[in-house]
Every structure is written in structure tokens, then in C-alpha cells.
Protein backbone atom coordinates (compact mmCIF):
# COMPACT_ATOMS: atom_id res chain seq x y z
CA MET A 1 -11.95 97.61 -25.62
CA GLU A 2 -12.26 99.32 -22.23
CA ARG A 3 -14.16 98.02 -19.24
CA GLN A 4 -14.80 99.65 -15.90
CA LEU A 5 -14.74 97.70 -12.63
CA ARG A 6 -16.19 99.50 -9.63
CA SER A 7 -15.99 98.51 -5.99
CA ALA A 8 -18.04 99.92 -3.11
CA ALA A 9 -15.95 103.10 -3.06
CA ALA A 10 -15.88 105.24 -6.19
CA SER A 11 -12.18 105.91 -5.64
CA ASP A 12 -11.50 102.21 -6.09
CA THR A 13 -12.66 102.18 -9.72
CA ILE A 14 -10.33 100.18 -11.97
CA TYR A 15 -10.36 100.65 -15.74
CA THR A 16 -9.27 97.75 -17.91
CA ALA A 17 -8.51 97.37 -21.60
CA ALA A 18 -6.93 94.81 -23.92
CA TRP A 19 -5.24 94.96 -27.32
CA ARG A 20 -3.38 92.52 -29.53
CA PHE A 21 0.11 93.55 -30.59
CA LEU A 22 2.02 91.20 -32.90
CA GLY A 23 -0.11 88.33 -31.67
CA VAL A 24 0.43 89.13 -27.99
CA SER A 25 -2.60 89.99 -25.86
CA VAL A 26 -1.71 93.18 -23.95
CA GLN A 27 -4.02 93.42 -20.94
CA THR A 28 -4.09 96.58 -18.84
CA ALA A 29 -5.63 97.62 -15.51
CA ALA A 30 -5.32 101.18 -14.14
CA PRO A 31 -7.11 103.34 -11.56
CA ASP A 32 -7.19 106.40 -13.84
CA ARG A 33 -8.95 106.42 -17.22
CA ARG A 34 -6.24 108.72 -18.59
CA CYS A 35 -3.71 105.88 -18.36
CA ILE A 36 -5.95 103.74 -20.57
CA THR A 37 -6.41 106.65 -22.97
CA ALA A 38 -2.64 107.14 -23.21
CA LEU A 39 -2.03 103.48 -23.99
CA GLU A 40 -4.93 103.38 -26.44
CA ARG A 41 -3.41 106.34 -28.28
CA GLY A 42 -0.19 104.35 -28.72
CA MET A 43 -1.60 100.88 -29.29
CA GLY A 44 -4.21 102.19 -31.70
CA THR A 45 -1.48 103.73 -33.84
CA ARG A 46 0.10 100.45 -34.83
CA CYS A 47 -1.71 97.50 -33.28
CA ALA A 48 -1.55 94.48 -35.55
CA ASP A 49 -1.89 90.71 -35.65
CA GLY A 50 0.14 90.23 -38.80
CA MET A 51 2.86 88.02 -37.31
CA VAL A 52 1.19 86.03 -34.57
CA SER A 53 3.28 84.66 -31.74
CA GLU A 54 2.86 81.02 -30.92
CA GLY A 55 0.57 79.93 -28.12
CA ASN A 56 -1.65 82.05 -25.92
CA ALA A 57 0.83 84.91 -25.41
CA VAL A 58 -0.17 87.45 -22.76
CA LEU A 59 1.54 90.58 -21.44
CA ARG A 60 -0.04 92.41 -18.49
CA ILE A 61 0.33 96.08 -17.57
CA ALA A 62 -0.60 96.83 -13.95
CA VAL A 63 -0.81 100.49 -12.87
CA ARG A 64 -0.91 101.72 -9.26
CA LEU A 65 -1.17 105.42 -8.43
CA ASP A 66 -0.70 106.92 -4.96
CA GLU A 67 -0.10 110.60 -4.16
CA ARG A 68 2.18 109.44 -1.33
CA TRP A 69 4.34 107.42 -3.74
CA GLN A 70 8.06 107.39 -3.00
CA GLU A 71 10.95 105.73 -4.77
CA GLN A 72 11.37 102.14 -3.56
CA SER A 73 14.52 100.83 -1.91
CA TRP A 74 15.17 98.25 -4.67
CA LEU A 75 16.01 101.10 -7.06
CA ALA A 76 19.39 101.32 -5.31
CA ASP A 77 20.27 97.96 -6.92
CA VAL A 78 19.45 99.02 -10.49
CA ARG A 79 22.33 99.25 -12.96
CA TRP A 80 21.50 102.46 -14.78
CA LEU A 81 22.35 102.43 -18.48
CA TRP A 82 21.19 105.92 -19.40
CA SER A 83 20.13 109.04 -17.52
CA ALA A 84 19.06 112.57 -18.48
CA HIS A 85 16.93 115.22 -16.79
CA GLY A 86 15.48 112.87 -14.18
CA HIS A 87 14.67 110.16 -16.72
CA ARG A 88 16.57 106.89 -16.26
CA LEU A 89 16.74 103.52 -18.02
CA GLY A 90 18.35 100.54 -16.37
CA ARG A 91 18.34 96.87 -15.40
CA ILE A 92 18.02 94.86 -12.23
CA GLY A 93 18.72 91.22 -12.99
CA ASP A 94 16.74 90.29 -16.10
CA ASP A 95 14.20 93.08 -15.50
CA ALA A 96 14.21 96.40 -17.37
CA VAL A 97 13.39 99.58 -15.44
CA VAL A 98 12.27 103.09 -16.39
CA LEU A 99 12.35 105.77 -13.69
CA LEU A 100 10.93 109.29 -13.82
CA GLU A 101 12.29 110.94 -10.69
CA GLY A 102 9.57 112.41 -8.51
CA MET A 103 6.79 110.86 -10.63
CA GLY A 104 7.00 107.08 -10.87
CA VAL A 105 8.72 103.93 -12.02
CA ALA A 106 7.91 101.06 -14.36
CA ARG A 107 9.53 97.63 -14.15
CA LEU A 108 9.27 94.80 -16.63
CA LEU A 109 9.03 91.59 -14.60
CA GLN A 110 10.37 89.52 -17.47
CA SER A 111 9.81 86.08 -15.95
CA GLU A 112 6.17 86.92 -15.17
CA GLY A 113 5.29 88.81 -18.35
CA VAL A 114 4.14 91.85 -16.36
CA ILE A 115 4.92 95.56 -16.66
CA ASP A 116 4.43 96.97 -13.15
CA VAL A 117 3.86 100.74 -13.04
CA SER A 118 3.66 102.76 -9.84
CA GLY A 119 3.77 106.47 -9.13
CA ASN A 120 1.80 109.56 -8.23
CA GLY A 121 -1.04 111.19 -10.13
CA ARG A 122 1.32 113.22 -12.32
CA LEU A 123 1.95 110.07 -14.39
CA ALA A 124 -1.61 110.20 -15.74
CA GLU A 125 -1.51 113.88 -16.68
CA ASP A 126 0.63 113.59 -19.83
CA THR A 127 -0.16 110.88 -22.39
CA TYR A 128 3.30 111.18 -23.96
CA VAL A 129 5.08 110.70 -20.64
CA PHE A 130 2.96 107.73 -19.62
CA ASN A 131 2.85 105.90 -22.94
CA ASP A 132 5.97 106.86 -24.90
CA VAL A 133 8.48 107.48 -22.11
CA LEU A 134 7.40 105.04 -19.40
CA VAL A 135 5.55 102.06 -20.88
CA THR A 136 6.48 101.72 -24.56
CA PRO A 137 10.21 100.96 -24.02
CA LEU A 138 9.24 98.13 -21.66
CA LEU A 139 6.59 96.84 -24.06
CA HIS A 140 9.28 96.54 -26.73
CA SER A 141 11.72 94.88 -24.35
CA ALA A 142 9.03 92.40 -23.28
CA MET A 143 8.63 91.21 -26.88
CA ALA A 144 11.95 89.33 -26.53
CA ARG A 145 9.87 86.58 -24.88
CA TRP A 146 8.36 85.89 -28.31
CA GLY A 147 11.50 86.13 -30.47
CA TRP A 148 11.59 89.87 -31.21
CA VAL A 149 14.60 92.17 -30.91
CA ALA A 150 13.85 95.84 -30.18
CA VAL A 151 16.27 98.44 -31.59
CA HIS A 152 16.39 102.22 -31.89
CA ALA A 153 16.18 102.64 -35.64
CA CYS A 154 14.05 103.95 -38.49
CA ALA A 155 12.63 101.54 -41.09
CA MET A 156 11.52 102.66 -44.56
CA GLU A 157 10.35 100.94 -47.75
CA HIS A 158 10.56 101.79 -51.44
CA VAL A 159 9.26 99.55 -54.24
CA GLY A 160 9.48 96.50 -51.99
CA SER A 161 13.01 97.21 -50.75
CA GLY A 162 13.44 97.75 -47.01
CA ILE A 163 16.12 99.85 -45.32
CA LEU A 164 16.98 100.17 -41.64
CA ILE A 165 18.53 103.48 -40.56
CA VAL A 166 20.47 103.10 -37.31
CA ALA A 167 21.53 106.15 -35.29
CA ALA A 168 21.48 107.46 -31.74
CA SER A 169 18.98 110.09 -30.63
CA GLY A 170 19.66 113.29 -32.54
CA GLY A 171 21.46 111.38 -35.29
CA GLY A 172 19.05 112.39 -38.05
CA LYS A 173 16.71 109.37 -38.24
CA SER A 174 13.47 111.35 -38.11
CA THR A 175 14.72 114.09 -40.45
CA LEU A 176 15.86 111.49 -42.95
CA ALA A 177 12.53 109.66 -42.67
CA LEU A 178 10.62 112.86 -43.40
CA ALA A 179 12.87 113.61 -46.39
CA LEU A 180 12.21 110.13 -47.81
CA LEU A 181 8.46 110.39 -47.19
CA ARG A 182 8.51 113.55 -49.34
CA ALA A 183 10.22 111.49 -52.07
CA GLY A 184 7.54 108.79 -52.10
CA TRP A 185 8.99 106.25 -49.67
CA ARG A 186 6.79 104.55 -47.11
CA LEU A 187 7.32 104.50 -43.35
CA VAL A 188 7.43 101.39 -41.18
CA ALA A 189 8.76 103.00 -37.98
CA ASP A 190 10.37 106.32 -37.15
CA ASP A 191 12.38 105.61 -33.99
CA ARG A 192 11.86 102.08 -32.64
CA VAL A 193 11.72 98.87 -34.65
CA LEU A 194 11.05 95.25 -33.71
CA LEU A 195 13.12 92.70 -35.65
CA ARG A 196 12.63 88.97 -36.06
CA ALA A 197 14.27 86.41 -38.30
CA ASP A 198 12.24 84.16 -40.53
CA GLY A 199 13.17 81.68 -43.25
CA ASP A 200 13.91 84.36 -45.85
CA GLY A 201 15.71 87.00 -43.82
CA VAL A 202 14.92 89.53 -41.11
CA VAL A 203 11.63 91.40 -40.88
CA ALA A 204 11.32 94.89 -39.39
CA TRP A 205 7.95 95.59 -37.79
CA GLY A 206 6.68 99.02 -36.87
CA THR A 207 5.96 99.91 -33.27
CA VAL A 208 3.19 101.89 -31.62
CA GLU A 209 4.53 105.43 -31.90
CA LEU A 210 3.80 108.34 -34.23
CA PRO A 211 6.83 110.12 -35.74
CA ARG A 212 8.24 113.08 -33.80
CA ILE A 213 10.57 115.78 -35.13
CA SER A 214 12.36 118.76 -33.62
CA PRO A 215 10.64 122.11 -34.31
CA GLY A 216 13.73 123.29 -36.19
CA THR A 217 13.19 120.57 -38.79
CA PHE A 218 10.31 122.57 -40.25
CA HIS A 219 12.78 125.13 -41.55
CA LEU A 220 14.50 122.43 -43.63
CA PHE A 221 11.28 121.69 -45.53
CA PRO A 222 9.38 124.95 -46.20
CA ASP A 223 6.77 123.08 -48.23
CA LEU A 224 5.76 121.16 -45.10
CA ALA A 225 4.94 124.16 -42.93
CA ARG A 226 1.43 122.73 -42.60
CA LEU A 227 2.93 120.15 -40.25
CA GLU A 228 2.60 122.79 -37.57
CA ARG A 229 -1.14 122.81 -38.15
CA THR A 230 -1.70 119.05 -38.37
CA GLY A 231 0.64 117.85 -35.61
CA ARG A 232 0.97 118.52 -31.90
CA THR A 233 3.77 119.07 -29.42
CA SER A 234 4.92 115.97 -27.55
CA GLY A 235 7.89 115.82 -25.20
CA GLY A 236 9.48 118.94 -26.67
CA LYS A 237 9.12 117.65 -30.24
CA TRP A 238 6.37 117.82 -32.84
CA GLU A 239 4.30 114.68 -33.28
CA TYR A 240 2.56 114.19 -36.60
CA ASP A 241 0.64 111.59 -38.55
CA PRO A 242 2.41 111.20 -41.93
CA ARG A 243 -0.78 109.85 -43.50
CA MET A 244 -2.33 113.32 -43.20
CA LEU A 245 0.50 114.71 -45.34
CA PHE A 246 1.44 111.92 -47.73
CA GLY A 247 -1.62 109.68 -47.91
CA ASP A 248 -1.17 105.90 -47.80
CA CYS A 249 2.46 106.01 -46.72
CA VAL A 250 2.59 103.78 -43.63
CA ILE A 251 3.02 100.01 -43.81
CA PRO A 252 3.27 97.52 -40.91
CA TRP A 253 6.46 95.68 -41.87
CA VAL A 254 9.21 95.23 -44.42
CA ARG A 255 12.01 92.76 -45.10
CA VAL A 256 15.38 94.42 -44.46
CA GLU A 257 17.76 94.53 -47.45
CA HIS A 258 19.93 97.57 -46.63
CA LEU A 259 21.43 98.89 -43.39
CA VAL A 260 22.35 102.58 -43.29
CA LEU A 261 24.43 104.41 -40.66
CA PRO A 262 23.90 108.17 -41.12
CA GLN A 263 26.61 110.59 -40.06
CA ILE A 264 25.80 114.29 -40.00
CA LYS A 265 28.51 116.13 -41.93
CA GLU A 266 29.17 119.84 -42.54
CA THR A 267 29.24 119.29 -46.30
CA ASP A 268 27.08 120.69 -49.08
CA VAL A 269 26.35 117.31 -50.68
CA SER A 270 25.37 114.01 -49.05
CA SER A 271 26.97 110.77 -50.22
CA PHE A 272 26.92 107.00 -49.70
CA HIS A 273 29.94 104.88 -48.75
CA ARG A 274 30.33 101.18 -48.06
CA ALA A 275 30.27 100.23 -44.38
CA ASP A 276 32.18 97.49 -42.57
CA ALA A 277 30.13 94.59 -41.20
CA VAL A 278 31.78 94.66 -37.78
CA VAL A 279 31.10 98.39 -37.42
CA VAL A 280 27.44 97.94 -38.39
CA LEU A 281 26.94 95.02 -36.00
CA LYS A 282 28.43 97.01 -33.13
CA GLU A 283 26.07 99.91 -33.87
CA LEU A 284 23.09 97.57 -33.93
CA LEU A 285 24.02 95.92 -30.65
CA ALA A 286 24.44 99.35 -29.07
CA ALA A 287 21.00 100.31 -30.37
CA THR A 288 19.14 97.39 -28.75
CA GLU A 289 16.51 98.46 -26.21
CA PHE A 290 18.06 98.36 -22.71
CA GLY A 291 20.99 96.39 -24.12
CA ALA A 292 21.05 92.64 -24.74
CA TYR A 293 20.94 90.51 -21.60
CA GLY A 294 20.61 86.89 -20.52
CA ALA A 295 19.05 84.57 -23.07
CA ALA A 296 18.00 87.62 -25.09
CA ARG A 297 21.67 88.47 -25.70
CA SER A 298 22.22 85.33 -27.76
CA GLN A 299 18.90 85.82 -29.55
CA ALA A 300 19.70 89.45 -30.40
CA PHE A 301 23.18 88.58 -31.62
CA GLN A 302 21.85 85.83 -33.90
CA VAL A 303 19.11 88.01 -35.42
CA LEU A 304 21.35 91.05 -35.90
CA SER A 305 24.25 88.97 -37.27
CA GLN A 306 21.93 87.34 -39.80
CA MET A 307 20.60 90.74 -40.88
CA VAL A 308 24.11 92.14 -41.33
CA ALA A 309 25.19 89.09 -43.34
CA GLN A 310 22.18 89.27 -45.66
CA SER A 311 22.04 93.06 -46.16
CA ARG A 312 24.03 95.65 -48.06
CA LEU A 313 25.79 97.99 -45.65
CA TRP A 314 26.21 101.75 -46.03
CA HIS A 315 27.45 104.91 -44.37
CA LEU A 316 25.42 107.96 -45.34
CA HIS A 317 27.38 111.20 -44.99
CA PHE A 318 24.39 113.45 -44.32
CA GLY A 319 25.12 116.96 -45.63
CA ARG A 320 23.21 120.21 -45.93
CA ASP A 321 21.26 119.14 -49.03
CA VAL A 322 18.52 117.53 -46.92
CA GLN A 323 15.73 118.79 -49.22
CA HIS A 324 17.24 116.77 -52.07
CA ILE A 325 18.07 113.62 -50.13
CA GLY A 326 15.28 111.75 -51.91
CA GLU A 327 17.05 112.37 -55.23
CA LEU A 328 20.29 110.94 -53.81
CA PHE A 329 18.48 107.81 -52.68
CA ALA A 330 16.84 107.47 -56.10
CA ARG A 331 20.29 107.43 -57.73
CA SER A 332 21.83 105.16 -55.07
CA PRO A 333 22.26 101.36 -55.07
CA LEU A 334 19.45 101.21 -52.49
CA THR A 335 16.84 101.51 -55.23
CA SER A 336 18.59 99.58 -57.96
């Protein structure tokens, strides 16, 4: 729900909104309505109270925009973990940082439960940049305060069985997810997953993003050419709502039973092979959002180790038969 707070000067208008995500109250204040719209687009996609955090959990997002914005001096102390095309992810102490050079920066003040966003007006012009690139990674990282571990992975479900597909960007997660959706599987999350242990295992919960695929993926599935009519471009990829294509195919969570590491191979036929537990655990730790740190390092290790111990582990040699990958999964131990 959005509210508008207006001071004596119209330029001082502040827009506020609040959502509940996994039991956490996410409260936002921004000087530009487009920032609220961008967050609402994301939060509205997968906002749920299904697994409520204990207590009165609150996360605040504070946005400040100034056309004279410049990069602050404290950025010199950030340990950058990843950088590409002016987009950087890093840490300063226990805080996670996202920087878009020339546009703005967002910092998760972990001890305060605040995501502080500052930049120029360009931040509000693109909903994908503001929500998906700048704020969402910090939202996921902030959930460590309430026992969640954020990882780059795809989660799918078939007949009650959950699989987690772990791969770096460009490793085939979204293509594989689309292939399985065509075969009747259901989607939990396409690129980012929140994990938490409970008494019976580890649960994977979907995040607040719609699936995105590279334009070239359309050529792999000629029967899905209508994706180009139902989706929209977002950050150089095509964003789509799978429910418009496959009906009731999105679920909020699943219990993980299988872990799959896909490897793109120049072979005609895809195949499954057993994976080593140490290899899988290393891949999972590498896939954690911003890397494990501080108290969250121990928490992440415990959750991921439990999941590896309780799951069946696989390498998927991903060949050129992508249109028939659903048939391979149907014959595999994953559905037995």
C-alpha cells in the first residue's frame, strides 16, 4: 500500500509503501514514485507470508535522489567481489554494497536492518535497474538476519520432488527452467533462491523476480515464439511471466531433494552423472549472495551442508538436445 507525504514544498514529497516478504515487513520511503513502482513490481511478483519470521521483523529501504550525487569516499574501502560494465558488488565490514557507476549506490546496513539507496535521477528511470540490479540483491542478503541463505540458483518442482539447479550466470539455469516448464514442471525461482533449514530438511523459497532469458533462447524452442509477444525486454534479456504460457506453474516453495550442477557440453545428448558432495558444497558456497561473511558464514555453511547431506547429487551434462530435456528428466532418478 502506497502513501504520499507532502511537505510545504512540492519537491519534498516522499512516497512510502510497505509489503510483507517471508514474514518481514519491508518498509520503503522514496522521493520519486517510480522507485515505489519498481519495488512494487518486484515485491508483487512473489510477496508471501508463508514462512513467518519470529518477532516483529522489519527491513527499511530509504531512497535519496540528488542530481548532484557523487560517489562517496567510503567506497574506496569496499572489497569488490564482482565487477562488470560499471556494475559492482562488494562488502565493507558486514555490509553488502551495490554500485552503479555514475548513477548511484545501495548499501545494506546489516546491523540496522536498513537498505540505504542514494544516487541521481537516472536510478528511477528504469524499473529493472532500480529493483533487480540495485535493491533485490541486498534484500536477499538482508534475509540472513532471519535465518535465510540467499544463493544464485534455480528451483523447480515435479510431483512433490524439489530440485535446486546451481550454476553461474550464463550456465544454463534459465534455459533449463524453461525446458522443464514445457515438460510440466513447476517453477519456484529462476535465478535467486532463499534457503532455510527446518526439522525435515531444507526449504527453497522463491524470490521476487520474474524469469529472464536471452533472446537467443527463443530459437531453441520454436513452439514458444509467443514469448516475444507476452514478455518484455529487461536488462538485455527477455522477461516473461510463465503463468501466461503454462498456466498454474509457479509455486512459492519446495523441499529440496536433488541438487543438480549443469555443465554445457558440445554433445548431441544430455546425460546425468553422480556428483561429489565436496564439489557440490563448494559450488553452493560460491553461489551465496555476496559470499558468506561473519555470523552468516557459519549459518550458510550449516544450511548448505545439511542440504548436501540430505539430497541426491548430480552433474547434468547439458547437450544440444535441449528441446527434449524434459524427457531425460522423466527417465532420470530425479522423478523416480
